[in-house]
N, C-alpha and C. Protein backbone atom coordinates (compact mmCIF):
# COMPACT_ATOMS: atom_id res chain seq x y z
N MET A 1 5.29 7.87 25.11
CA MET A 1 4.01 7.72 24.51
C MET A 1 3.72 6.25 25.19
N ASN A 2 2.95 5.79 26.24
CA ASN A 2 2.45 4.82 26.63
C ASN A 2 1.94 3.70 25.45
N THR A 3 1.98 2.46 25.33
CA THR A 3 1.35 1.43 24.54
C THR A 3 -0.06 1.95 24.07
N SER A 4 -1.10 2.35 25.16
CA SER A 4 -2.11 2.19 24.75
C SER A 4 -2.61 3.35 23.98
N ASP A 5 -2.11 4.66 24.36
CA ASP A 5 -1.87 6.01 23.73
C ASP A 5 -1.29 5.77 22.46
N ALA A 6 -0.25 4.80 22.31
CA ALA A 6 0.21 5.30 21.11
C ALA A 6 -0.50 4.31 20.22
N ARG A 7 -1.15 3.28 20.46
CA ARG A 7 -2.33 2.34 19.76
C ARG A 7 -3.55 3.20 19.25
N ALA A 8 -3.58 3.97 20.17
CA ALA A 8 -4.83 4.45 19.87
C ALA A 8 -4.52 5.83 18.87
N ARG A 9 -3.17 6.43 19.06
CA ARG A 9 -3.01 7.55 17.74
C ARG A 9 -2.89 6.56 16.45
N VAL A 10 -2.17 5.42 16.66
CA VAL A 10 -1.92 4.67 15.11
C VAL A 10 -3.24 4.47 14.62
N ARG A 11 -4.51 4.15 15.68
CA ARG A 11 -5.98 4.02 14.94
C ARG A 11 -6.22 5.22 14.36
N ASP A 12 -5.52 6.58 15.32
CA ASP A 12 -6.51 7.84 14.72
C ASP A 12 -5.69 8.11 13.18
N CYS A 13 -4.69 8.03 13.05
CA CYS A 13 -3.82 7.82 11.91
C CYS A 13 -4.44 7.07 11.07
N LEU A 14 -4.52 5.69 10.71
CA LEU A 14 -5.12 5.32 10.37
C LEU A 14 -6.62 5.67 9.27
N LEU A 15 -7.46 5.98 10.61
CA LEU A 15 -8.82 6.71 10.13
C LEU A 15 -8.33 7.63 9.12
N ALA A 16 -7.33 8.78 9.52
CA ALA A 16 -6.99 10.04 8.51
C ALA A 16 -6.92 9.27 7.07
N VAL A 17 -5.95 8.16 7.07
CA VAL A 17 -5.90 7.74 5.75
C VAL A 17 -6.64 6.96 5.08
N ASN A 18 -7.64 6.39 5.67
CA ASN A 18 -8.66 5.85 5.40
C ASN A 18 -10.24 5.98 6.22
N PRO A 19 -10.61 6.86 5.80
CA PRO A 19 -12.50 6.91 6.84
C PRO A 19 -13.01 6.22 6.38
N ALA A 20 -12.98 5.26 5.54
CA ALA A 20 -14.05 4.41 5.71
C ALA A 20 -13.49 3.31 6.07
N LEU A 21 -12.75 3.43 6.96
CA LEU A 21 -12.30 1.93 7.92
C LEU A 21 -13.20 1.67 9.08
N ASP A 22 -13.43 0.58 9.59
CA ASP A 22 -14.45 0.09 10.84
C ASP A 22 -13.22 0.11 11.72
N LEU A 23 -13.07 0.83 12.40
CA LEU A 23 -11.64 0.65 13.76
C LEU A 23 -12.34 -0.62 14.83
N ASP A 24 -13.67 -0.43 15.09
CA ASP A 24 -14.18 -1.86 15.80
C ASP A 24 -13.94 -2.92 15.37
N ALA A 25 -13.66 -3.13 13.86
CA ALA A 25 -13.74 -4.65 13.64
C ALA A 25 -12.24 -4.81 13.43
N LEU A 26 -10.91 -3.96 13.35
CA LEU A 26 -9.70 -3.89 13.59
C LEU A 26 -9.07 -4.45 14.76
N ALA A 27 -8.40 -5.36 14.87
CA ALA A 27 -7.52 -5.66 15.77
C ALA A 27 -6.26 -5.38 15.72
N ASP A 28 -5.50 -5.14 16.88
CA ASP A 28 -4.15 -4.59 16.89
C ASP A 28 -3.14 -5.53 15.97
N ASP A 29 -3.55 -6.41 16.23
CA ASP A 29 -2.52 -7.53 15.53
C ASP A 29 -3.13 -8.17 14.26
N THR A 30 -3.89 -7.23 13.51
CA THR A 30 -4.47 -7.46 12.06
C THR A 30 -3.68 -7.20 11.17
N PRO A 31 -2.78 -7.93 10.04
CA PRO A 31 -1.92 -7.54 9.44
C PRO A 31 -2.59 -6.36 8.02
N LEU A 32 -2.11 -5.25 8.51
CA LEU A 32 -2.63 -4.03 7.50
C LEU A 32 -2.56 -4.31 6.24
N LEU A 33 -1.37 -4.66 5.75
CA LEU A 33 -1.11 -4.53 4.26
C LEU A 33 -1.90 -5.61 3.67
N ALA A 34 -1.81 -7.21 3.95
CA ALA A 34 -1.92 -8.29 3.46
C ALA A 34 -3.32 -8.61 3.24
N SER A 35 -4.19 -7.66 4.44
CA SER A 35 -5.98 -7.56 4.38
C SER A 35 -6.53 -6.56 4.04
N ARG A 36 -5.59 -5.74 3.37
CA ARG A 36 -5.85 -4.69 2.49
C ARG A 36 -6.71 -3.86 3.38
N VAL A 37 -5.77 -3.16 4.46
CA VAL A 37 -6.94 -2.27 5.48
C VAL A 37 -6.31 -1.05 4.75
N ILE A 38 -5.06 -1.22 4.14
CA ILE A 38 -4.03 -0.29 3.65
C ILE A 38 -3.62 -0.97 2.39
N THR A 39 -3.70 0.35 1.43
CA THR A 39 -2.42 0.11 0.64
C THR A 39 -0.99 0.72 0.41
N SER A 40 -0.42 0.01 -0.06
CA SER A 40 1.13 0.24 -0.03
C SER A 40 1.14 1.94 -0.37
N PHE A 41 -0.10 2.50 -1.16
CA PHE A 41 0.00 3.74 -1.57
C PHE A 41 -0.23 4.62 -0.20
N ASP A 42 -1.25 4.36 0.49
CA ASP A 42 -1.48 4.46 1.88
C ASP A 42 -0.52 4.78 2.87
N VAL A 43 0.73 3.86 2.62
CA VAL A 43 1.67 4.11 3.67
C VAL A 43 2.23 5.23 3.65
N VAL A 44 2.29 6.03 2.51
CA VAL A 44 2.75 7.45 2.33
C VAL A 44 2.09 8.26 3.17
N ALA A 45 1.01 8.41 3.37
CA ALA A 45 0.24 9.46 3.83
C ALA A 45 0.09 8.87 5.26
N LEU A 46 0.32 7.64 5.56
CA LEU A 46 0.54 7.16 7.09
C LEU A 46 1.87 7.65 7.84
N LEU A 47 3.07 7.57 6.87
CA LEU A 47 3.96 8.28 7.33
C LEU A 47 3.96 9.48 7.58
N LEU A 48 2.96 10.42 6.86
CA LEU A 48 2.75 11.84 7.31
C LEU A 48 2.24 11.97 8.72
N HIS A 49 1.32 11.49 8.92
CA HIS A 49 0.51 11.29 9.82
C HIS A 49 1.12 11.14 11.16
N LEU A 50 1.90 9.90 11.10
CA LEU A 50 2.77 9.04 12.24
C LEU A 50 3.66 10.27 12.53
N GLU A 51 4.40 11.02 11.45
CA GLU A 51 5.62 11.89 12.01
C GLU A 51 5.00 13.44 12.66
N GLN A 52 3.34 13.59 12.66
CA GLN A 52 2.99 14.50 13.06
C GLN A 52 2.64 13.98 14.59
N ALA A 53 2.19 12.87 14.73
CA ALA A 53 1.57 12.39 15.90
C ALA A 53 2.80 12.20 16.88
N SER A 54 4.05 11.61 16.25
CA SER A 54 5.36 11.61 17.29
C SER A 54 5.61 12.66 17.71
N GLY A 55 5.83 13.62 16.51
CA GLY A 55 6.00 15.26 17.12
C GLY A 55 7.83 15.22 16.23
N ARG A 56 8.03 14.64 15.63
CA ARG A 56 9.84 14.32 15.22
C ARG A 56 9.59 14.00 13.84
N PRO A 57 10.50 13.59 13.27
CA PRO A 57 11.08 13.26 12.03
C PRO A 57 11.16 11.79 12.49
N LEU A 58 10.61 11.42 11.38
CA LEU A 58 10.80 9.58 11.46
C LEU A 58 12.63 9.48 11.15
N SER A 59 12.85 8.51 11.40
CA SER A 59 14.12 8.02 10.93
C SER A 59 14.13 6.55 9.74
N ARG A 60 15.46 6.58 9.27
CA ARG A 60 15.63 5.71 7.90
C ARG A 60 15.24 4.35 8.52
N SER A 61 15.83 4.08 9.96
CA SER A 61 15.92 2.31 10.21
C SER A 61 14.27 2.26 10.91
N GLN A 62 13.36 2.81 10.97
CA GLN A 62 11.88 3.10 11.18
C GLN A 62 11.85 2.43 9.88
N LEU A 63 12.10 2.72 9.12
CA LEU A 63 11.18 2.39 7.55
C LEU A 63 11.66 1.39 6.74
N VAL A 64 11.04 0.46 7.41
CA VAL A 64 11.65 -1.36 6.73
C VAL A 64 9.84 -1.72 6.51
N ALA A 65 9.68 -2.79 5.75
CA ALA A 65 8.58 -3.11 5.40
C ALA A 65 7.61 -4.07 6.56
N GLY A 66 8.70 -4.62 7.70
CA GLY A 66 7.91 -4.94 8.91
C GLY A 66 7.43 -3.80 9.85
N SER A 67 7.80 -2.85 9.34
CA SER A 67 7.33 -1.33 10.55
C SER A 67 5.62 -1.21 10.41
N PHE A 68 5.25 -1.66 9.29
CA PHE A 68 3.64 -1.59 9.20
C PHE A 68 2.94 -2.71 9.31
N ARG A 69 3.15 -3.81 9.59
CA ARG A 69 2.41 -5.00 10.16
C ARG A 69 1.56 -5.02 10.15
N ASP A 70 1.06 -4.18 11.89
CA ASP A 70 -0.17 -4.35 12.02
C ASP A 70 -0.16 -3.10 12.98
N VAL A 71 -1.28 -2.46 13.68
CA VAL A 71 -1.39 -1.56 14.64
C VAL A 71 -0.17 -1.41 15.82
N ALA A 72 -0.20 -2.69 16.51
CA ALA A 72 0.71 -3.00 17.30
C ALA A 72 1.88 -2.47 17.37
N THR A 73 2.84 -3.11 15.89
CA THR A 73 3.95 -3.23 15.25
C THR A 73 4.03 -1.37 15.08
N ILE A 74 3.10 -0.67 14.56
CA ILE A 74 3.53 0.60 14.36
C ILE A 74 3.72 1.50 15.43
N ALA A 75 2.73 1.54 16.33
CA ALA A 75 2.95 1.61 17.63
C ALA A 75 4.44 1.72 18.22
N ARG A 76 4.75 0.49 18.64
CA ARG A 76 5.88 0.09 18.87
C ARG A 76 6.92 1.30 18.03
N VAL A 77 7.04 0.76 16.96
CA VAL A 77 8.15 1.29 16.03
C VAL A 77 8.22 2.95 16.02
N PHE A 78 7.02 3.70 16.02
CA PHE A 78 6.80 4.81 15.55
C PHE A 78 6.70 5.95 16.59
N LEU A 79 5.91 5.25 17.86
CA LEU A 79 5.44 6.12 19.15
C LEU A 79 5.53 5.78 20.28
N GLN A 80 5.64 4.64 20.78
CA GLN A 80 5.85 4.06 22.19
C GLN A 80 7.54 4.65 22.67
N ASP A 81 7.21 5.28 23.80
CA ASP A 81 8.53 5.36 24.15
C ASP A 81 9.85 4.84 24.15
N GLY A 82 10.86 5.19 24.06
CA GLY A 82 11.98 4.17 23.98
C GLY A 82 12.05 3.07 22.72
N ASP A 83 11.36 3.87 21.86
CA ASP A 83 11.53 3.38 20.23
C ASP A 83 12.73 3.19 19.65
N GLY A 84 13.75 3.68 20.11
CA GLY A 84 15.02 3.97 19.60
C GLY A 84 15.45 5.04 18.68
N SER A 85 14.34 5.52 18.45
CA SER A 85 14.78 6.48 17.18
C SER A 85 15.45 7.78 17.76
C-alpha cells in the first residue's frame, strides 16, 4: 500500500477506535498517546483494525511502543509496502 493510502487507512482505524475523533485536527505527526488521541487501552482495538486493514497477521517485531507514535509511523510500520514484516 502506498504512503497516502496507508495513512488514510490508519485514520479510518483510529476513527473506528475513537468515533469522536476530529480527523481534520489530526496531523500525521501528532503524538497519539502523548496527546491522548488514543489511550493505551485503545491500542489493543487499534491492533485488530490494523490487522484487518493489512490483511495479514501482525508480527512481534512490529509491536513495540514506538510503533504507535503517530499516524505516519503506524502507516509505515503496519501498512506500507516494504514494511519488512
